[in-house]
Amino acid sequence: MSDSTASPPGRILPTIVFSQFAGTSLWFAGNAVLPELQQVLQLQETGLSLMTSAVQFGFIIGTLCFAFLSLADRVSPRLLFLICALSGALANALVLTVATSVTGVLLLRAITGFLLAGIYPVGMKIAASWYSGKLGKAIGYLVGALVLGTAFPHLLRGIGATLPWQTMLLTVSALAAVGGVLMYLLVPEGPFLSKGAKFDISNMFRVFKVPDFRAAALGYFGHMWELYTLWAFTPFILTYVLKDTPANLISIYSFMVIAAGAVGCIGGGYLSQYWGSGRVAFIQLLFSGLCCFLSVMVFNEPQLLLPFLIFWGVVVAGDSPQFSTLSAKTAPPHLVGTALTVVTSIGFTITIVSIQVTSFLLQILPPQHTFLWLAAGPVFGLLALRRLVVK
């Protein structure tokens, strides 16, 4: 049996999943220590908002630069992952040395976000190089790990963990470094890794000329319009509807809602082997869009809120790995890394717009009516995705 058809060694998928989780934990390290940093830096709420957004903006700039230079297709993905994981770990740890400077902390968090552009999309390319036939399942595990990382700070606050914030930052840095080293040592170049592209400024635009890739990308953009806005405002929704609920329970409930997305990611990955990634993404995006419409009624029913949000949490994130799978499969083989990177960059830019618009609408509309508008994303995504479902 040839290398291209043989089953990958058993260590490959667990190593990729762990390394991806370890590397992307840098993304949310700031979330877990925000109260302490706010106290040390004497930040007001506006300053806190800036610090929370710094990683997001850094990631967007990083993905644009990586896509512009086609780095993910010109450099060995495992080497790029190692360099970015080690550099990101260092930038995260250096926050300890500038903890009295708002500017210094913001800059280091933005640098960390920039380096995550060489971890999150590149980890998906590494998976694509090993799991061509079962890519939906493999990326389902990868994004599931990322979702759990997103939810973890809420659990940490909910159970009242009291680790010193310095220890927490150093632990996350060590974890990211170990993940990068393990990826480099235990995951060789996959049999489906295409020959790298030469530098060409048009690479990041050329991928959108492929109709199937364009359909997958537009579907993903509609999904991102909804995803991070729901995650960002989950604690607000719970607090507003479940009045007088203790803060620690709100945090635990928030963890449950966001972490439920891992079930959708992994379960959708298995279903994609039978139904195909396009159909799984379409069904989950359809259900999450319906949740946007139903929120108008459910937000007036406290007893239904938590199970409703948990279901919404499953489907709102569950289609994400299938969109990445569709993007990887429909992109030109020699530009898979660039394609994943540029699509991710645009998707995260969309999340910032969506979050800011939602924040504005909450000032002029009651919450029961505010989240209805998120349905625009799923509706747009479903229309774009039809091309890949009817085939």
Protein backbone atom coordinates (compact mmCIF):
# COMPACT_ATOMS: atom_id res chain seq x y z
CA MET A 1 0.00 0.00 0.00
CA SER A 2 1.41 3.41 -0.92
CA ASP A 3 2.11 6.10 1.61
CA SER A 4 -0.67 8.24 0.17
CA THR A 5 -3.35 5.61 0.88
CA ALA A 6 -2.05 4.09 4.11
CA SER A 7 -3.66 5.09 7.38
CA PRO A 8 -1.66 7.78 9.22
CA PRO A 9 0.28 6.63 12.31
CA GLY A 10 -1.88 6.66 15.44
CA ARG A 11 0.11 9.46 17.06
CA ILE A 12 -0.54 11.98 14.26
CA LEU A 13 -4.07 13.19 15.02
CA PRO A 14 -3.68 13.32 18.86
CA THR A 15 -0.42 15.26 18.45
CA ILE A 16 -1.94 17.75 16.01
CA VAL A 17 -5.00 18.24 18.23
CA PHE A 18 -2.93 18.74 21.40
CA SER A 19 -0.44 21.05 19.67
CA GLN A 20 -3.27 23.11 18.21
CA PHE A 21 -4.97 23.41 21.59
CA ALA A 22 -1.66 24.26 23.29
CA GLY A 23 -0.73 26.87 20.70
CA THR A 24 -4.14 28.54 20.57
CA SER A 25 -4.30 28.67 24.36
CA LEU A 26 -2.15 31.80 23.93
CA TRP A 27 -5.22 33.41 22.39
CA PHE A 28 -7.22 33.25 25.59
CA ALA A 29 -4.43 33.56 28.16
CA GLY A 30 -5.31 37.24 28.58
CA ASN A 31 -8.95 36.38 29.28
CA ALA A 32 -8.05 34.32 32.32
CA VAL A 33 -5.99 37.10 33.93
CA LEU A 34 -7.96 40.18 32.87
CA PRO A 35 -9.22 41.09 36.37
CA GLU A 36 -5.68 40.99 37.79
CA LEU A 37 -4.17 42.95 34.92
CA GLN A 38 -6.95 45.48 35.17
CA GLN A 39 -6.08 46.03 38.80
CA VAL A 40 -2.32 46.21 38.20
CA LEU A 41 -2.69 48.63 35.28
CA GLN A 42 -5.55 50.57 36.91
CA LEU A 43 -7.55 50.18 33.70
CA GLN A 44 -10.99 51.63 33.20
CA GLU A 45 -13.56 49.68 31.18
CA THR A 46 -12.45 51.32 27.92
CA GLY A 47 -8.86 50.24 28.49
CA LEU A 48 -10.01 46.72 29.29
CA SER A 49 -11.90 46.59 26.00
CA LEU A 50 -8.75 47.63 24.13
CA MET A 51 -6.73 44.85 25.75
CA THR A 52 -9.39 42.28 24.91
CA SER A 53 -9.37 43.35 21.25
CA ALA A 54 -5.57 43.51 20.88
CA VAL A 55 -5.11 39.80 20.13
CA GLN A 56 -7.98 39.87 17.63
CA PHE A 57 -6.49 42.80 15.70
CA GLY A 58 -3.03 41.25 15.83
CA PHE A 59 -4.38 38.01 14.44
CA ILE A 60 -6.09 39.81 11.55
CA ILE A 61 -2.90 41.69 10.66
CA GLY A 62 -0.89 38.47 10.97
CA THR A 63 -3.16 36.45 8.71
CA LEU A 64 -3.12 39.23 6.10
CA CYS A 65 0.69 39.30 6.15
CA PHE A 66 0.99 35.51 6.04
CA ALA A 67 -1.47 35.36 3.14
CA PHE A 68 0.25 38.23 1.30
CA LEU A 69 3.62 36.45 1.54
CA SER A 70 2.10 32.95 1.02
CA LEU A 71 4.21 31.85 3.99
CA ALA A 72 2.03 28.84 4.79
CA ASP A 73 2.72 27.49 1.30
CA ARG A 74 6.39 28.52 0.96
CA VAL A 75 7.73 27.39 4.35
CA SER A 76 7.48 23.93 5.92
CA PRO A 77 4.18 24.10 7.88
CA ARG A 78 5.58 22.23 10.90
CA LEU A 79 8.62 24.55 11.02
CA LEU A 80 6.38 27.60 10.72
CA PHE A 81 4.14 26.24 13.49
CA LEU A 82 7.19 25.64 15.74
CA ILE A 83 8.63 29.13 15.20
CA CYS A 84 5.29 30.85 15.83
CA ALA A 85 4.47 28.70 18.89
CA LEU A 86 7.85 29.43 20.51
CA SER A 87 7.73 33.13 19.61
CA GLY A 88 4.13 33.43 20.80
CA ALA A 89 5.04 31.73 24.07
CA LEU A 90 7.84 34.26 24.58
CA ALA A 91 5.61 37.26 23.76
CA ASN A 92 3.00 35.98 26.21
CA ALA A 93 5.56 35.50 28.99
CA LEU A 94 7.07 38.95 28.40
CA VAL A 95 3.80 40.50 29.59
CA LEU A 96 5.22 39.92 33.09
CA THR A 97 8.05 42.35 32.38
CA VAL A 98 5.81 45.21 31.17
CA ALA A 99 2.82 44.66 33.46
CA THR A 100 2.92 48.30 34.61
CA SER A 101 2.59 49.69 31.07
CA VAL A 102 -0.74 49.62 29.24
CA THR A 103 1.01 50.26 25.92
CA GLY A 104 3.50 47.46 26.53
CA VAL A 105 0.82 44.93 27.41
CA LEU A 106 -1.33 45.89 24.42
CA LEU A 107 1.64 45.61 22.08
CA LEU A 108 2.65 42.17 23.36
CA ARG A 109 -0.92 40.87 23.16
CA ALA A 110 -1.13 42.15 19.56
CA ILE A 111 2.19 40.45 18.74
CA THR A 112 0.83 37.23 20.24
CA GLY A 113 -2.23 37.54 18.01
CA PHE A 114 0.02 38.14 14.99
CA LEU A 115 1.94 34.94 15.71
CA LEU A 116 -1.27 32.94 16.12
CA ALA A 117 -1.65 33.36 12.34
CA GLY A 118 1.14 30.78 12.09
CA ILE A 119 -0.61 28.39 14.48
CA TYR A 120 -4.36 28.19 13.88
CA PRO A 121 -4.59 28.16 10.04
CA VAL A 122 -1.24 26.37 9.70
CA GLY A 123 -2.40 23.61 12.06
CA MET A 124 -5.36 23.05 9.73
CA LYS A 125 -3.02 22.81 6.73
CA ILE A 126 -0.91 20.22 8.57
CA ALA A 127 -4.07 18.20 9.23
CA ALA A 128 -5.04 18.53 5.56
CA SER A 129 -1.66 17.11 4.56
CA TRP A 130 -2.42 13.90 6.48
CA TYR A 131 -6.19 13.45 6.31
CA SER A 132 -7.34 14.17 2.77
CA GLY A 133 -10.16 11.63 2.81
CA LYS A 134 -11.26 12.23 6.41
CA LEU A 135 -10.38 15.89 6.70
CA GLY A 136 -13.78 16.87 8.10
CA LYS A 137 -13.29 14.53 11.06
CA ALA A 138 -9.70 15.66 11.71
CA ILE A 139 -10.49 19.39 11.60
CA GLY A 140 -13.57 18.71 13.72
CA TYR A 141 -11.23 17.66 16.52
CA LEU A 142 -8.94 20.65 15.92
CA VAL A 143 -11.68 23.26 16.10
CA GLY A 144 -13.33 21.39 18.99
CA ALA A 145 -10.11 21.84 20.96
CA LEU A 146 -10.07 25.54 20.07
CA VAL A 147 -13.68 25.92 21.27
CA LEU A 148 -12.84 24.33 24.62
CA GLY A 149 -9.92 26.73 24.93
CA THR A 150 -12.29 29.63 24.32
CA ALA A 151 -14.67 28.43 27.01
CA PHE A 152 -12.06 27.52 29.62
CA PRO A 153 -11.57 31.01 31.16
CA HIS A 154 -15.28 31.09 32.03
CA LEU A 155 -14.96 27.78 33.86
CA LEU A 156 -11.85 29.00 35.63
CA ARG A 157 -13.70 32.02 36.98
CA GLY A 158 -16.78 29.98 37.80
CA ILE A 159 -14.98 27.50 40.04
CA GLY A 160 -12.98 30.28 41.70
CA ALA A 161 -9.47 29.20 40.76
CA THR A 162 -6.91 31.31 42.63
CA LEU A 163 -3.67 30.67 40.76
CA PRO A 164 -1.44 33.78 40.69
CA TRP A 165 -1.88 35.45 37.32
CA GLN A 166 1.87 35.34 36.70
CA THR A 167 1.89 31.57 37.15
CA MET A 168 -1.06 31.21 34.79
CA LEU A 169 0.65 33.20 32.02
CA LEU A 170 3.89 31.23 32.36
CA THR A 171 2.01 27.93 32.37
CA VAL A 172 0.21 28.83 29.15
CA SER A 173 3.51 29.90 27.57
CA ALA A 174 5.13 26.61 28.54
CA LEU A 175 2.15 24.69 27.16
CA ALA A 176 2.35 26.52 23.82
CA ALA A 177 6.08 25.89 23.55
CA VAL A 178 5.65 22.18 24.25
CA GLY A 179 2.90 22.01 21.62
CA GLY A 180 5.15 23.57 19.00
CA VAL A 181 8.01 21.19 19.77
CA LEU A 182 5.77 18.12 19.70
CA MET A 183 4.28 19.16 16.36
CA TYR A 184 7.75 19.52 14.88
CA LEU A 185 9.17 16.30 16.33
CA LEU A 186 6.21 13.92 16.01
CA VAL A 187 4.36 15.09 12.89
CA PRO A 188 6.45 14.82 9.71
CA GLU A 189 5.36 16.25 6.36
CA GLY A 190 2.09 14.57 5.36
CA PRO A 191 1.69 12.54 2.15
CA PHE A 192 -0.87 15.01 0.78
CA LEU A 193 1.32 18.09 1.28
CA SER A 194 1.49 19.86 -2.09
CA LYS A 195 4.61 21.49 -3.44
CA GLY A 196 4.88 25.00 -2.07
CA ALA A 197 3.89 28.06 -4.06
CA LYS A 198 6.30 30.72 -5.23
CA PHE A 199 5.81 34.21 -3.90
CA ASP A 200 3.14 35.97 -5.94
CA ILE A 201 1.17 38.91 -4.59
CA SER A 202 -1.88 37.68 -6.50
CA ASN A 203 -2.02 34.31 -4.68
CA MET A 204 -4.33 35.64 -1.96
CA PHE A 205 -6.79 36.85 -4.61
CA ARG A 206 -6.41 33.99 -7.08
CA VAL A 207 -7.99 31.48 -4.73
CA PHE A 208 -11.33 33.33 -4.94
CA LYS A 209 -11.51 32.71 -8.70
CA VAL A 210 -12.43 29.07 -7.99
CA PRO A 211 -16.28 28.98 -7.78
CA ASP A 212 -16.46 26.15 -5.24
CA PHE A 213 -13.87 27.78 -3.00
CA ARG A 214 -15.72 31.09 -3.24
CA ALA A 215 -18.96 29.35 -2.17
CA ALA A 216 -17.22 27.76 0.84
CA ALA A 217 -15.60 31.06 1.82
CA LEU A 218 -18.83 33.07 1.60
CA GLY A 219 -20.61 30.44 3.68
CA TYR A 220 -17.86 30.73 6.29
CA PHE A 221 -18.18 34.52 6.34
CA GLY A 222 -21.89 34.23 7.10
CA HIS A 223 -21.09 31.78 9.90
CA MET A 224 -18.50 34.13 11.42
CA TRP A 225 -21.00 37.01 11.39
CA GLU A 226 -22.89 35.10 14.07
CA LEU A 227 -20.34 32.96 15.96
CA TYR A 228 -18.10 35.33 17.94
CA THR A 229 -20.89 37.80 18.60
CA LEU A 230 -22.91 35.09 20.33
CA TRP A 231 -19.84 33.99 22.30
CA ALA A 232 -18.97 37.56 23.27
CA PHE A 233 -22.47 38.34 24.54
CA THR A 234 -23.35 35.00 26.15
CA PRO A 235 -22.58 36.24 29.70
CA PHE A 236 -24.64 39.38 29.01
CA ILE A 237 -27.61 37.36 27.76
CA LEU A 238 -27.49 35.03 30.77
CA THR A 239 -27.21 37.93 33.21
CA TYR A 240 -30.05 39.85 31.56
CA VAL A 241 -32.54 36.95 31.41
CA LEU A 242 -31.55 35.03 34.56
CA LYS A 243 -31.75 37.98 36.89
CA ASP A 244 -30.33 37.57 40.43
CA THR A 245 -28.23 34.55 39.39
CA PRO A 246 -24.84 34.53 41.20
CA ALA A 247 -21.89 35.63 39.10
CA ASN A 248 -20.05 32.32 39.48
CA LEU A 249 -23.06 30.45 38.06
CA ILE A 250 -23.23 32.86 35.13
CA SER A 251 -19.59 32.00 34.40
CA ILE A 252 -20.25 28.27 34.61
CA TYR A 253 -23.32 28.59 32.37
CA SER A 254 -21.24 30.61 29.89
CA PHE A 255 -18.66 27.83 29.85
CA MET A 256 -21.39 25.26 29.17
CA VAL A 257 -22.83 27.25 26.26
CA ILE A 258 -19.51 27.91 24.53
CA ALA A 259 -17.97 24.50 25.28
CA ALA A 260 -21.05 22.83 23.77
CA GLY A 261 -19.63 23.87 20.43
CA ALA A 262 -16.97 21.17 20.78
CA VAL A 263 -19.77 18.58 20.60
CA GLY A 264 -20.99 20.13 17.36
CA CYS A 265 -17.46 20.24 15.91
CA ILE A 266 -16.52 16.64 16.73
CA GLY A 267 -19.97 15.19 16.05
CA GLY A 268 -20.16 17.08 12.77
CA GLY A 269 -16.75 15.73 11.85
CA TYR A 270 -17.98 12.15 12.17
CA LEU A 271 -21.22 12.90 10.30
CA SER A 272 -19.24 14.48 7.46
CA GLN A 273 -17.83 11.05 6.62
CA TYR A 274 -21.36 9.92 5.69
CA TRP A 275 -23.18 13.10 4.62
CA GLY A 276 -20.30 15.20 3.33
CA SER A 277 -18.94 18.44 4.76
CA GLY A 278 -21.22 20.65 2.68
CA ARG A 279 -24.41 19.06 3.94
CA VAL A 280 -23.27 19.01 7.59
CA ALA A 281 -22.27 22.69 7.43
CA PHE A 282 -25.58 23.59 5.75
CA ILE A 283 -27.72 21.81 8.37
CA GLN A 284 -25.87 23.30 11.34
CA LEU A 285 -25.89 26.79 9.84
CA LEU A 286 -29.63 26.42 9.18
CA PHE A 287 -30.30 25.48 12.81
CA SER A 288 -28.14 28.30 14.19
CA GLY A 289 -29.99 30.75 11.94
CA LEU A 290 -33.31 29.47 13.31
CA CYS A 291 -31.97 30.07 16.82
CA CYS A 292 -31.42 33.73 15.92
CA PHE A 293 -35.11 34.05 15.04
CA LEU A 294 -36.27 32.04 18.09
CA SER A 295 -34.22 34.22 20.45
CA VAL A 296 -36.97 36.85 20.26
CA MET A 297 -39.31 34.49 22.13
CA VAL A 298 -36.92 32.43 24.25
CA PHE A 299 -35.23 35.46 25.82
CA ASN A 300 -38.58 36.06 27.53
CA GLU A 301 -38.67 32.52 28.97
CA PRO A 302 -35.98 32.12 31.69
CA GLN A 303 -36.71 28.42 32.21
CA LEU A 304 -35.94 27.67 28.54
CA LEU A 305 -32.91 29.90 28.19
CA LEU A 306 -30.03 27.62 29.25
CA PRO A 307 -31.01 24.52 27.22
CA PHE A 308 -31.77 26.79 24.25
CA LEU A 309 -28.36 28.50 24.47
CA ILE A 310 -26.57 25.16 24.85
CA PHE A 311 -28.24 23.88 21.68
CA TRP A 312 -27.38 27.15 19.94
CA GLY A 313 -23.80 26.74 21.17
CA VAL A 314 -23.62 23.26 19.58
CA VAL A 315 -24.76 24.34 16.12
CA VAL A 316 -23.23 27.84 15.99
CA ALA A 317 -19.70 26.39 16.22
CA GLY A 318 -20.28 22.92 14.81
CA ASP A 319 -20.19 24.03 11.18
CA SER A 320 -16.84 25.85 11.52
CA PRO A 321 -14.55 22.84 10.89
CA GLN A 322 -16.63 21.80 7.90
CA PHE A 323 -16.25 25.24 6.34
CA SER A 324 -12.48 24.96 6.84
CA THR A 325 -12.59 21.48 5.30
CA LEU A 326 -14.52 22.76 2.28
CA SER A 327 -12.06 25.63 1.88
CA ALA A 328 -9.07 23.26 2.04
CA LYS A 329 -10.60 20.81 -0.45
CA THR A 330 -11.73 23.40 -3.00
CA ALA A 331 -8.66 25.65 -2.94
CA PRO A 332 -5.88 25.10 -5.51
CA PRO A 333 -3.69 22.34 -3.95
CA HIS A 334 -0.52 24.46 -3.96
CA LEU A 335 -2.33 27.38 -2.24
CA VAL A 336 -4.19 25.59 0.57
CA GLY A 337 -2.25 27.37 3.33
CA THR A 338 -2.74 30.79 1.75
CA ALA A 339 -6.44 30.09 1.16
CA LEU A 340 -7.10 29.05 4.76
CA THR A 341 -5.14 32.02 6.07
CA VAL A 342 -6.84 34.71 4.00
CA VAL A 343 -10.32 33.30 4.62
CA THR A 344 -9.64 33.19 8.37
CA SER A 345 -8.38 36.77 8.29
CA ILE A 346 -11.50 38.07 6.55
CA GLY A 347 -13.72 36.00 8.84
CA PHE A 348 -12.21 37.48 12.00
CA THR A 349 -12.49 40.99 10.58
CA ILE A 350 -16.20 40.33 10.10
CA THR A 351 -16.51 39.30 13.78
CA ILE A 352 -15.24 42.69 14.96
CA VAL A 353 -17.80 44.50 12.80
CA SER A 354 -20.60 42.24 14.04
CA ILE A 355 -19.65 42.67 17.70
CA GLN A 356 -19.47 46.46 17.39
CA VAL A 357 -22.81 46.67 15.60
CA THR A 358 -24.45 44.46 18.24
CA SER A 359 -23.00 46.63 21.00
CA PHE A 360 -24.50 49.70 19.31
CA LEU A 361 -27.91 48.05 18.80
CA LEU A 362 -28.09 47.11 22.47
CA GLN A 363 -28.09 50.82 23.25
CA ILE A 364 -31.23 51.45 21.19
CA LEU A 365 -33.09 48.10 21.22
CA PRO A 366 -34.16 45.70 23.96
CA PRO A 367 -31.97 42.55 24.08
CA GLN A 368 -34.92 40.37 23.06
CA HIS A 369 -34.88 42.03 19.63
CA THR A 370 -31.17 42.74 19.25
CA PHE A 371 -29.88 39.25 18.42
CA LEU A 372 -32.48 38.64 15.73
CA TRP A 373 -30.33 40.59 13.27
CA LEU A 374 -27.57 37.97 13.57
CA ALA A 375 -29.72 35.79 11.30
CA ALA A 376 -28.44 37.86 8.37
CA GLY A 377 -25.16 35.92 8.55
CA PRO A 378 -26.64 32.40 8.36
CA VAL A 379 -29.10 33.45 5.62
CA PHE A 380 -26.23 34.85 3.53
CA GLY A 381 -24.10 31.76 4.22
CA LEU A 382 -26.88 29.31 3.32
CA LEU A 383 -27.47 31.02 -0.03
CA ALA A 384 -23.76 30.81 -0.84
CA LEU A 385 -23.45 27.21 0.35
CA ARG A 386 -26.24 25.80 -1.84
CA ARG A 387 -23.78 25.29 -4.69
CA LEU A 388 -21.79 22.75 -2.64
CA VAL A 389 -24.82 20.92 -1.23
CA VAL A 390 -26.71 20.24 -4.45
CA LYS A 391 -23.70 18.62 -6.14
